[in-house]
Structure formats: structure tokens, C-alpha cells
Amino acid sequence: MREQCAHLVACAAQPTTSIHVVPASVGMYPGLGGPFTLAELDDGSVLGHADSQAEAKIIDQPAEVATLARRWERIRGEALSRAQSLALLREAAAAWT
């Protein structure tokens, strides 16, 4: 676990990566519905990818992409700041030594 937390900290040091931890104290929030990815393509269009145990789905309908974007903003609204998230990951890594 220590190595995993340290790896996340190292990844977050990259300029293209941000990690935002949602604390367990938040309770229910949209991120518990399962993983998804939003990707902006070179032409400016945005696609989504949602994954579940049953199937994976490419999302290209604008209304559905907009729904995922709203969910992402709600998740980020519940998450700790980037600095707080990194501090928590560093603390977690130290606790597992």
C-alpha cells in the first residue's frame, strides 16, 4: 500500500495529472456510481467512456457527455484540493511503512 500511495504522489507531480481524493466522510456522491473517463480530442470534441462489471460503453451523444461532465464537477466539488489530496496520500504512504 505504501508503494501504491507513493506512486500516486509521483504521478500527481506530473504537470498533466491531478489527483483529488474524496474523503469517506462525504458519504454518497456521484462517483460511487462507477468509473468513467472524459477525453477531449484534438478536434475539440469530447467523448466519454463508462465502465461497469457488465459492459463498457463509449459515450458520444452530447447530452450524455454533458451529464458525465456535470457528475465530474460534482465529484470535484466533494473532493479535497490537490494539495490536500497529496498531503493525505503522503500521510497514508508514511502510515504503511
PDB file of N, CA and C in Angstrom:
ATOM      1  N   MET A   1       0.830  -1.193   0.000  1.00  0.00           N
ATOM      2  CA  MET A   1       0.000   0.000   0.000  1.00  0.00           C
ATOM      3  C   MET A   1       0.877   1.260   0.000  1.00  0.00           C
ATOM      4  N   ARG A   2       1.985   1.206   0.749  1.00  0.00           N
ATOM      5  CA  ARG A   2       2.873   2.359   0.786  1.00  0.00           C
ATOM      6  C   ARG A   2       3.375   2.691  -0.611  1.00  0.00           C
ATOM      7  N   GLU A   3       3.771   1.652  -1.338  1.00  0.00           N
ATOM      8  CA  GLU A   3       4.294   1.864  -2.688  1.00  0.00           C
ATOM      9  C   GLU A   3       3.220   2.430  -3.616  1.00  0.00           C
ATOM     10  N   GLN A   4       1.983   1.978  -3.462  1.00  0.00           N
ATOM     11  CA  GLN A   4       0.894   2.496  -4.294  1.00  0.00           C
ATOM     12  C   GLN A   4       0.651   3.977  -4.023  1.00  0.00           C
ATOM     13  N   CYS A   5       0.624   4.356  -2.752  1.00  0.00           N
ATOM     14  CA  CYS A   5       0.417   5.767  -2.407  1.00  0.00           C
ATOM     15  C   CYS A   5       1.574   6.611  -2.917  1.00  0.00           C
ATOM     16  N   ALA A   6       2.805   6.113  -2.757  1.00  0.00           N
ATOM     17  CA  ALA A   6       3.976   6.846  -3.247  1.00  0.00           C
ATOM     18  C   ALA A   6       3.919   6.994  -4.767  1.00  0.00           C
ATOM     19  N   HIS A   7       3.462   5.959  -5.453  1.00  0.00           N
ATOM     20  CA  HIS A   7       3.332   6.025  -6.913  1.00  0.00           C
ATOM     21  C   HIS A   7       2.304   7.082  -7.321  1.00  0.00           C
ATOM     22  N   LEU A   8       1.191   7.145  -6.607  1.00  0.00           N
ATOM     23  CA  LEU A   8       0.181   8.172  -6.904  1.00  0.00           C
ATOM     24  C   LEU A   8       0.743   9.570  -6.694  1.00  0.00           C
ATOM     25  N   VAL A   9       1.522   9.754  -5.642  1.00  0.00           N
ATOM     26  CA  VAL A   9       2.155  11.050  -5.389  1.00  0.00           C
ATOM     27  C   VAL A   9       3.103  11.397  -6.537  1.00  0.00           C
ATOM     28  N   ALA A  10       3.896  10.430  -6.984  1.00  0.00           N
ATOM     29  CA  ALA A  10       4.823  10.663  -8.097  1.00  0.00           C
ATOM     30  C   ALA A  10       4.067  10.988  -9.381  1.00  0.00           C
ATOM     31  N   CYS A  11       2.978  10.300  -9.630  1.00  0.00           N
ATOM     32  CA  CYS A  11       2.164  10.578 -10.821  1.00  0.00           C
ATOM     33  C   CYS A  11       1.591  11.987 -10.761  1.00  0.00           C
ATOM     34  N   ALA A  12       1.116  12.367  -9.592  1.00  0.00           N
ATOM     35  CA  ALA A  12       0.498  13.685  -9.436  1.00  0.00           C
ATOM     36  C   ALA A  12       1.508  14.817  -9.591  1.00  0.00           C
ATOM     37  N   ALA A  13       2.794  14.506  -9.496  1.00  0.00           N
ATOM     38  CA  ALA A  13       3.822  15.529  -9.702  1.00  0.00           C
ATOM     39  C   ALA A  13       3.959  15.890 -11.181  1.00  0.00           C
ATOM     40  N   GLN A  14       3.405  15.061 -12.051  1.00  0.00           N
ATOM     41  CA  GLN A  14       3.455  15.338 -13.486  1.00  0.00           C
ATOM     42  C   GLN A  14       2.512  16.501 -13.808  1.00  0.00           C
ATOM     43  N   PRO A  15       2.908  17.388 -14.702  1.00  0.00           N
ATOM     44  CA  PRO A  15       2.080  18.567 -14.977  1.00  0.00           C
ATOM     45  C   PRO A  15       0.720  18.264 -15.590  1.00  0.00           C
ATOM     46  N   THR A  16       0.547  17.087 -16.150  1.00  0.00           N
ATOM     47  CA  THR A  16      -0.721  16.748 -16.796  1.00  0.00           C
ATOM     48  C   THR A  16      -1.635  15.910 -15.913  1.00  0.00           C
ATOM     49  N   THR A  17      -1.251  15.698 -14.657  1.00  0.00           N
ATOM     50  CA  THR A  17      -2.021  14.827 -13.777  1.00  0.00           C
ATOM     51  C   THR A  17      -2.406  15.555 -12.492  1.00  0.00           C
ATOM     52  N   SER A  18      -3.653  15.451 -12.130  1.00  0.00           N
ATOM     53  CA  SER A  18      -4.129  15.958 -10.842  1.00  0.00           C
ATOM     54  C   SER A  18      -4.890  14.846 -10.152  1.00  0.00           C
ATOM     55  N   ILE A  19      -4.654  14.705  -8.865  1.00  0.00           N
ATOM     56  CA  ILE A  19      -5.372  13.711  -8.072  1.00  0.00           C
ATOM     57  C   ILE A  19      -6.158  14.449  -7.009  1.00  0.00           C
ATOM     58  N   HIS A  20      -7.438  14.136  -6.931  1.00  0.00           N
ATOM     59  CA  HIS A  20      -8.324  14.744  -5.936  1.00  0.00           C
ATOM     60  C   HIS A  20      -9.010  13.608  -5.185  1.00  0.00           C
ATOM     61  N   VAL A  21      -8.717  13.506  -3.896  1.00  0.00           N
ATOM     62  CA  VAL A  21      -9.282  12.442  -3.063  1.00  0.00           C
ATOM     63  C   VAL A  21     -10.617  12.904  -2.490  1.00  0.00           C
ATOM     64  N   VAL A  22     -11.621  12.062  -2.607  1.00  0.00           N
ATOM     65  CA  VAL A  22     -12.912  12.325  -1.978  1.00  0.00           C
ATOM     66  C   VAL A  22     -12.895  11.600  -0.633  1.00  0.00           C
ATOM     67  N   PRO A  23     -12.981  12.340   0.465  1.00  0.00           N
ATOM     68  CA  PRO A  23     -12.935  11.678   1.773  1.00  0.00           C
ATOM     69  C   PRO A  23     -14.169  10.814   2.026  1.00  0.00           C
ATOM     70  N   ALA A  24     -13.972   9.762   2.787  1.00  0.00           N
ATOM     71  CA  ALA A  24     -15.077   8.850   3.115  1.00  0.00           C
ATOM     72  C   ALA A  24     -16.184   9.569   3.870  1.00  0.00           C
ATOM     73  N   SER A  25     -15.836  10.640   4.573  1.00  0.00           N
ATOM     74  CA  SER A  25     -16.836  11.375   5.353  1.00  0.00           C
ATOM     75  C   SER A  25     -17.896  12.042   4.485  1.00  0.00           C
ATOM     76  N   VAL A  26     -17.654  12.136   3.184  1.00  0.00           N
ATOM     77  CA  VAL A  26     -18.618  12.752   2.262  1.00  0.00           C
ATOM     78  C   VAL A  26     -19.891  11.907   2.178  1.00  0.00           C
ATOM     79  N   GLY A  27     -19.749  10.607   2.299  1.00  0.00           N
ATOM     80  CA  GLY A  27     -20.912   9.735   2.146  1.00  0.00           C
ATOM     81  C   GLY A  27     -21.228   9.512   0.682  1.00  0.00           C
ATOM     82  N   MET A  28     -22.517   9.486   0.344  1.00  0.00           N
ATOM     83  CA  MET A  28     -22.944   9.241  -1.035  1.00  0.00           C
ATOM     84  C   MET A  28     -22.585  10.438  -1.920  1.00  0.00           C
ATOM     85  N   TYR A  29     -22.022  10.155  -3.091  1.00  0.00           N
ATOM     86  CA  TYR A  29     -21.714  11.181  -4.086  1.00  0.00           C
ATOM     87  C   TYR A  29     -21.686  10.512  -5.451  1.00  0.00           C
ATOM     88  N   PRO A  30     -21.733  11.283  -6.548  1.00  0.00           N
ATOM     89  CA  PRO A  30     -21.889  10.678  -7.877  1.00  0.00           C
ATOM     90  C   PRO A  30     -20.786   9.713  -8.287  1.00  0.00           C
ATOM     91  N   GLY A  31     -19.609   9.822  -7.717  1.00  0.00           N
ATOM     92  CA  GLY A  31     -18.513   8.940  -8.095  1.00  0.00           C
ATOM     93  C   GLY A  31     -18.722   7.499  -7.685  1.00  0.00           C
ATOM     94  N   LEU A  32     -19.640   7.264  -6.768  1.00  0.00           N
ATOM     95  CA  LEU A  32     -19.892   5.894  -6.330  1.00  0.00           C
ATOM     96  C   LEU A  32     -20.667   5.096  -7.370  1.00  0.00           C
ATOM     97  N   GLY A  33     -21.159   5.767  -8.404  1.00  0.00           N
ATOM     98  CA  GLY A  33     -21.907   5.088  -9.457  1.00  0.00           C
ATOM     99  C   GLY A  33     -21.025   4.305 -10.410  1.00  0.00           C
ATOM    100  N   GLY A  34     -19.715   4.414 -10.270  1.00  0.00           N
ATOM    101  CA  GLY A  34     -18.792   3.670 -11.118  1.00  0.00           C
ATOM    102  C   GLY A  34     -17.841   4.586 -11.863  1.00  0.00           C
ATOM    103  N   PRO A  35     -16.786   3.995 -12.400  1.00  0.00           N
ATOM    104  CA  PRO A  35     -15.759   4.793 -13.069  1.00  0.00           C
ATOM    105  C   PRO A  35     -16.206   5.288 -14.442  1.00  0.00           C
ATOM    106  N   PHE A  36     -15.696   6.453 -14.791  1.00  0.00           N
ATOM    107  CA  PHE A  36     -15.894   6.972 -16.138  1.00  0.00           C
ATOM    108  C   PHE A  36     -14.726   7.881 -16.485  1.00  0.00           C
ATOM    109  N   THR A  37     -14.549   8.079 -17.779  1.00  0.00           N
ATOM    110  CA  THR A  37     -13.476   8.915 -18.295  1.00  0.00           C
ATOM    111  C   THR A  37     -14.076   9.905 -19.274  1.00  0.00           C
ATOM    112  N   LEU A  38     -13.600  11.137 -19.225  1.00  0.00           N
ATOM    113  CA  LEU A  38     -13.923  12.137 -20.243  1.00  0.00           C
ATOM    114  C   LEU A  38     -12.637  12.458 -20.979  1.00  0.00           C
ATOM    115  N   ALA A  39     -12.689  12.465 -22.294  1.00  0.00           N
ATOM    116  CA  ALA A  39     -11.498  12.735 -23.093  1.00  0.00           C
ATOM    117  C   ALA A  39     -11.815  13.800 -24.132  1.00  0.00           C
ATOM    118  N   GLU A  40     -10.989  14.838 -24.155  1.00  0.00           N
ATOM    119  CA  GLU A  40     -11.120  15.865 -25.188  1.00  0.00           C
ATOM    120  C   GLU A  40     -10.184  15.514 -26.330  1.00  0.00           C
ATOM    121  N   LEU A  41     -10.736  15.411 -27.527  1.00  0.00           N
ATOM    122  CA  LEU A  41      -9.965  15.035 -28.706  1.00  0.00           C
ATOM    123  C   LEU A  41      -9.321  16.261 -29.342  1.00  0.00           C
ATOM    124  N   ASP A  42      -8.403  16.020 -30.269  1.00  0.00           N
ATOM    125  CA  ASP A  42      -7.691  17.116 -30.935  1.00  0.00           C
ATOM    126  C   ASP A  42      -8.629  18.098 -31.632  1.00  0.00           C
ATOM    127  N   ASP A  43      -9.764  17.598 -32.109  1.00  0.00           N
ATOM    128  CA  ASP A  43     -10.705  18.473 -32.816  1.00  0.00           C
ATOM    129  C   ASP A  43     -11.620  19.251 -31.859  1.00  0.00           C
ATOM    130  N   GLY A  44     -11.412  19.065 -30.540  1.00  0.00           N
ATOM    131  CA  GLY A  44     -12.215  19.783 -29.555  1.00  0.00           C
ATOM    132  C   GLY A  44     -13.449  19.031 -29.085  1.00  0.00           C
ATOM    133  N   SER A  45     -13.781  17.937 -29.745  1.00  0.00           N
ATOM    134  CA  SER A  45     -14.936  17.157 -29.297  1.00  0.00           C
ATOM    135  C   SER A  45     -14.579  16.390 -28.024  1.00  0.00           C
ATOM    136  N   VAL A  46     -15.607  16.041 -27.276  1.00  0.00           N
ATOM    137  CA  VAL A  46     -15.411  15.318 -26.020  1.00  0.00           C
ATOM    138  C   VAL A  46     -16.185  14.006 -26.083  1.00  0.00           C
ATOM    139  N   LEU A  47     -15.518  12.947 -25.690  1.00  0.00           N
ATOM    140  CA  LEU A  47     -16.134  11.634 -25.612  1.00  0.00           C
ATOM    141  C   LEU A  47     -16.060  11.151 -24.172  1.00  0.00           C
ATOM    142  N   GLY A  48     -16.969  10.273 -23.823  1.00  0.00           N
ATOM    143  CA  GLY A  48     -16.932   9.651 -22.518  1.00  0.00           C
ATOM    144  C   GLY A  48     -16.759   8.156 -22.656  1.00  0.00           C
ATOM    145  N   HIS A  49     -16.278   7.567 -21.591  1.00  0.00           N
ATOM    146  CA  HIS A  49     -16.167   6.115 -21.516  1.00  0.00           C
ATOM    147  C   HIS A  49     -16.624   5.729 -20.117  1.00  0.00           C
ATOM    148  N   ALA A  50     -17.622   4.878 -20.039  1.00  0.00           N
ATOM    149  CA  ALA A  50     -18.127   4.403 -18.751  1.00  0.00           C
ATOM    150  C   ALA A  50     -17.917   2.901 -18.695  1.00  0.00           C
ATOM    151  N   ASP A  51     -17.480   2.443 -17.550  1.00  0.00           N
ATOM    152  CA  ASP A  51     -17.166   1.032 -17.387  1.00  0.00           C
ATOM    153  C   ASP A  51     -17.979   0.458 -16.236  1.00  0.00           C
ATOM    154  N   SER A  52     -18.386  -0.776 -16.391  1.00  0.00           N
ATOM    155  CA  SER A  52     -19.078  -1.479 -15.316  1.00  0.00           C
ATOM    156  C   SER A  52     -18.680  -2.941 -15.375  1.00  0.00           C
ATOM    157  N   GLN A  53     -19.156  -3.714 -14.431  1.00  0.00           N
ATOM    158  CA  GLN A  53     -18.843  -5.137 -14.441  1.00  0.00           C
ATOM    159  C   GLN A  53     -19.496  -5.842 -15.623  1.00  0.00           C
ATOM    160  N   ALA A  54     -20.588  -5.289 -16.115  1.00  0.00           N
ATOM    161  CA  ALA A  54     -21.314  -5.931 -17.203  1.00  0.00           C
ATOM    162  C   ALA A  54     -20.838  -5.488 -18.583  1.00  0.00           C
ATOM    163  N   GLU A  55     -20.490  -4.210 -18.723  1.00  0.00           N
ATOM    164  CA  GLU A  55     -20.125  -3.715 -20.047  1.00  0.00           C
ATOM    165  C   GLU A  55     -19.354  -2.406 -19.944  1.00  0.00           C
ATOM    166  N   ALA A  56     -18.669  -2.084 -21.013  1.00  0.00           N
ATOM    167  CA  ALA A  56     -18.031  -0.783 -21.169  1.00  0.00           C
ATOM    168  C   ALA A  56     -18.761  -0.071 -22.302  1.00  0.00           C
ATOM    169  N   LYS A  57     -18.832   1.242 -22.213  1.00  0.00           N
ATOM    170  CA  LYS A  57     -19.616   1.980 -23.201  1.00  0.00           C
ATOM    171  C   LYS A  57     -18.889   3.262 -23.587  1.00  0.00           C
ATOM    172  N   ILE A  58     -18.781   3.490 -24.894  1.00  0.00           N
ATOM    173  CA  ILE A  58     -18.280   4.765 -25.407  1.00  0.00           C
ATOM    174  C   ILE A  58     -19.477   5.703 -25.482  1.00  0.00           C
ATOM    175  N   ILE A  59     -19.332   6.881 -24.936  1.00  0.00           N
ATOM    176  CA  ILE A  59     -20.428   7.849 -24.899  1.00  0.00           C
ATOM    177  C   ILE A  59     -20.065   9.018 -25.794  1.00  0.00           C
ATOM    178  N   ASP A  60     -20.864   9.201 -26.856  1.00  0.00           N
ATOM    179  CA  ASP A  60     -20.590  10.289 -27.785  1.00  0.00           C
ATOM    180  C   ASP A  60     -21.777  11.224 -27.994  1.00  0.00           C
ATOM    181  N   GLN A  61     -22.916  10.902 -27.403  1.00  0.00           N
ATOM    182  CA  GLN A  61     -24.076  11.782 -27.515  1.00  0.00           C
ATOM    183  C   GLN A  61     -23.856  13.012 -26.628  1.00  0.00           C
ATOM    184  N   PRO A  62     -23.993  14.213 -27.180  1.00  0.00           N
ATOM    185  CA  PRO A  62     -23.706  15.424 -26.407  1.00  0.00           C
ATOM    186  C   PRO A  62     -24.432  15.513 -25.071  1.00  0.00           C
ATOM    187  N   ALA A  63     -25.684  15.102 -25.008  1.00  0.00           N
ATOM    188  CA  ALA A  63     -26.426  15.178 -23.748  1.00  0.00           C
ATOM    189  C   ALA A  63     -25.828  14.242 -22.704  1.00  0.00           C
ATOM    190  N   GLU A  64     -25.416  13.058 -23.124  1.00  0.00           N
ATOM    191  CA  GLU A  64     -24.823  12.097 -22.189  1.00  0.00           C
ATOM    192  C   GLU A  64     -23.433  12.545 -21.747  1.00  0.00           C
ATOM    193  N   VAL A  65     -22.662  13.112 -22.665  1.00  0.00           N
ATOM    194  CA  VAL A  65     -21.343  13.649 -22.309  1.00  0.00           C
ATOM    195  C   VAL A  65     -21.510  14.793 -21.306  1.00  0.00           C
ATOM    196  N   ALA A  66     -22.512  15.639 -21.534  1.00  0.00           N
ATOM    197  CA  ALA A  66     -22.777  16.742 -20.614  1.00  0.00           C
ATOM    198  C   ALA A  66     -23.163  16.220 -19.222  1.00  0.00           C
ATOM    199  N   THR A  67     -23.910  15.135 -19.167  1.00  0.00           N
ATOM    200  CA  THR A  67     -24.264  14.531 -17.878  1.00  0.00           C
ATOM    201  C   THR A  67     -23.014  14.074 -17.143  1.00  0.00           C
ATOM    202  N   LEU A  68     -22.098  13.404 -17.858  1.00  0.00           N
ATOM    203  CA  LEU A  68     -20.849  12.979 -17.229  1.00  0.00           C
ATOM    204  C   LEU A  68     -20.027  14.173 -16.776  1.00  0.00           C
ATOM    205  N   ALA A  69     -20.004  15.232 -17.565  1.00  0.00           N
ATOM    206  CA  ALA A  69     -19.250  16.430 -17.184  1.00  0.00           C
ATOM    207  C   ALA A  69     -19.818  17.047 -15.900  1.00  0.00           C
ATOM    208  N   ARG A  70     -21.139  17.077 -15.781  1.00  0.00           N
ATOM    209  CA  ARG A  70     -21.760  17.592 -14.546  1.00  0.00           C
ATOM    210  C   ARG A  70     -21.423  16.701 -13.353  1.00  0.00           C
ATOM    211  N   ARG A  71     -21.437  15.407 -13.572  1.00  0.00           N
ATOM    212  CA  ARG A  71     -21.081  14.483 -12.484  1.00  0.00           C
ATOM    213  C   ARG A  71     -19.638  14.706 -12.047  1.00  0.00           C
ATOM    214  N   TRP A  72     -18.750  14.899 -13.020  1.00  0.00           N
ATOM    215  CA  TRP A  72     -17.348  15.135 -12.698  1.00  0.00           C
ATOM    216  C   TRP A  72     -17.197  16.407 -11.859  1.00  0.00           C
ATOM    217  N   GLU A  73     -17.896  17.446 -12.218  1.00  0.00           N
ATOM    218  CA  GLU A  73     -17.814  18.690 -11.445  1.00  0.00           C
ATOM    219  C   GLU A  73     -18.352  18.504 -10.030  1.00  0.00           C
ATOM    220  N   ARG A  74     -19.392  17.706  -9.877  1.00  0.00           N
ATOM    221  CA  ARG A  74     -19.927  17.425  -8.534  1.00  0.00           C
ATOM    222  C   ARG A  74     -18.931  16.595  -7.717  1.00  0.00           C
ATOM    223  N   ILE A  75     -18.261  15.656  -8.358  1.00  0.00           N
ATOM    224  CA  ILE A  75     -17.236  14.864  -7.680  1.00  0.00           C
ATOM    225  C   ILE A  75     -16.103  15.776  -7.222  1.00  0.00           C
ATOM    226  N   ARG A  76     -15.620  16.613  -8.115  1.00  0.00           N
ATOM    227  CA  ARG A  76     -14.538  17.537  -7.748  1.00  0.00           C
ATOM    228  C   ARG A  76     -14.965  18.483  -6.647  1.00  0.00           C
ATOM    229  N   GLY A  77     -16.243  18.828  -6.620  1.00  0.00           N
ATOM    230  CA  GLY A  77     -16.749  19.699  -5.567  1.00  0.00           C
ATOM    231  C   GLY A  77     -16.718  19.045  -4.196  1.00  0.00           C
ATOM    232  N   GLU A  78     -16.785  17.728  -4.146  1.00  0.00           N
ATOM    233  CA  GLU A  78     -16.729  16.995  -2.884  1.00  0.00           C
ATOM    234  C   GLU A  78     -15.303  16.641  -2.481  1.00  0.00           C
ATOM    235  N   ALA A  79     -14.389  16.693  -3.444  1.00  0.00           N
ATOM    236  CA  ALA A  79     -13.016  16.241  -3.221  1.00  0.00           C
ATOM    237  C   ALA A  79     -12.188  17.281  -2.474  1.00  0.00           C
ATOM    238  N   LEU A  80     -11.128  16.772  -1.854  1.00  0.00           N
ATOM    239  CA  LEU A  80     -10.140  17.659  -1.259  1.00  0.00           C
ATOM    240  C   LEU A  80      -9.403  18.397  -2.380  1.00  0.00           C
ATOM    241  N   SER A  81      -8.789  19.502  -2.054  1.00  0.00           N
ATOM    242  CA  SER A  81      -7.983  20.216  -3.050  1.00  0.00           C
ATOM    243  C   SER A  81      -6.804  19.336  -3.465  1.00  0.00           C
ATOM    244  N   ARG A  82      -6.128  19.719  -4.528  1.00  0.00           N
ATOM    245  CA  ARG A  82      -4.968  18.956  -4.996  1.00  0.00           C
ATOM    246  C   ARG A  82      -3.922  18.867  -3.894  1.00  0.00           C
ATOM    247  N   ALA A  83      -3.619  19.982  -3.251  1.00  0.00           N
ATOM    248  CA  ALA A  83      -2.606  19.991  -2.191  1.00  0.00           C
ATOM    249  C   ALA A  83      -3.042  19.131  -1.005  1.00  0.00           C
ATOM    250  N   GLN A  84      -4.294  19.235  -0.623  1.00  0.00           N
ATOM    251  CA  GLN A  84      -4.799  18.416   0.494  1.00  0.00           C
ATOM    252  C   GLN A  84      -4.772  16.929   0.141  1.00  0.00           C
ATOM    253  N   SER A  85      -5.120  16.614  -1.091  1.00  0.00           N
ATOM    254  CA  SER A  85      -5.111  15.221  -1.537  1.00  0.00           C
ATOM    255  C   SER A  85      -3.698  14.654  -1.507  1.00  0.00           C
ATOM    256  N   LEU A  86      -2.729  15.426  -1.986  1.00  0.00           N
ATOM    257  CA  LEU A  86      -1.339  14.960  -1.973  1.00  0.00           C
ATOM    258  C   LEU A  86      -0.840  14.782  -0.546  1.00  0.00           C
ATOM    259  N   ALA A  87      -1.198  15.707   0.329  1.00  0.00           N
ATOM    260  CA  ALA A  87      -0.789  15.581   1.731  1.00  0.00           C
ATOM    261  C   ALA A  87      -1.380  14.315   2.342  1.00  0.00           C
ATOM    262  N   LEU A  88      -2.631  14.024   2.040  1.00  0.00           N
ATOM    263  CA  LEU A  88      -3.264  12.815   2.553  1.00  0.00           C
ATOM    264  C   LEU A  88      -2.594  11.562   2.002  1.00  0.00           C
ATOM    265  N   LEU A  89      -2.249  11.562   0.721  1.00  0.00           N
ATOM    266  CA  LEU A  89      -1.556  10.414   0.132  1.00  0.00           C
ATOM    267  C   LEU A  89      -0.172  10.215   0.756  1.00  0.00           C
ATOM    268  N   ARG A  90       0.534  11.309   0.988  1.00  0.00           N
ATOM    269  CA  ARG A  90       1.845  11.212   1.640  1.00  0.00           C
ATOM    270  C   ARG A  90       1.682  10.659   3.063  1.00  0.00           C
ATOM    271  N   GLU A  91       0.683  11.138   3.768  1.00  0.00           N
ATOM    272  CA  GLU A  91       0.400  10.659   5.122  1.00  0.00           C
ATOM    273  C   GLU A  91       0.062   9.168   5.096  1.00  0.00           C
ATOM    274  N   ALA A  92      -0.750   8.759   4.138  1.00  0.00           N
ATOM    275  CA  ALA A  92      -1.117   7.340   4.023  1.00  0.00           C
ATOM    276  C   ALA A  92       0.113   6.491   3.714  1.00  0.00           C
ATOM    277  N   ALA A  93       0.984   6.966   2.818  1.00  0.00           N
ATOM    278  CA  ALA A  93       2.203   6.219   2.487  1.00  0.00           C
ATOM    279  C   ALA A  93       3.072   6.068   3.728  1.00  0.00           C
ATOM    280  N   ALA A  94       3.220   7.120   4.505  1.00  0.00           N
ATOM    281  CA  ALA A  94       4.050   7.056   5.718  1.00  0.00           C
ATOM    282  C   ALA A  94       3.453   6.100   6.747  1.00  0.00           C
ATOM    283  N   ALA A  95       2.135   6.030   6.805  1.00  0.00           N
ATOM    284  CA  ALA A  95       1.482   5.166   7.784  1.00  0.00           C
ATOM    285  C   ALA A  95       1.683   3.687   7.466  1.00  0.00           C
ATOM    286  N   TRP A  96       1.996   3.374   6.215  1.00  0.00           N
ATOM    287  CA  TRP A  96       2.145   1.969   5.814  1.00  0.00           C
ATOM    288  C   TRP A  96       3.596   1.501   5.817  1.00  0.00           C
ATOM    289  N   THR A  97       4.497   2.247   6.444  1.00  0.00           N
ATOM    290  CA  THR A  97       5.908   1.830   6.425  1.00  0.00           C
ATOM    291  C   THR A  97       6.185   0.757   7.439  1.00  0.00           C
TER     292      THR A  97
END
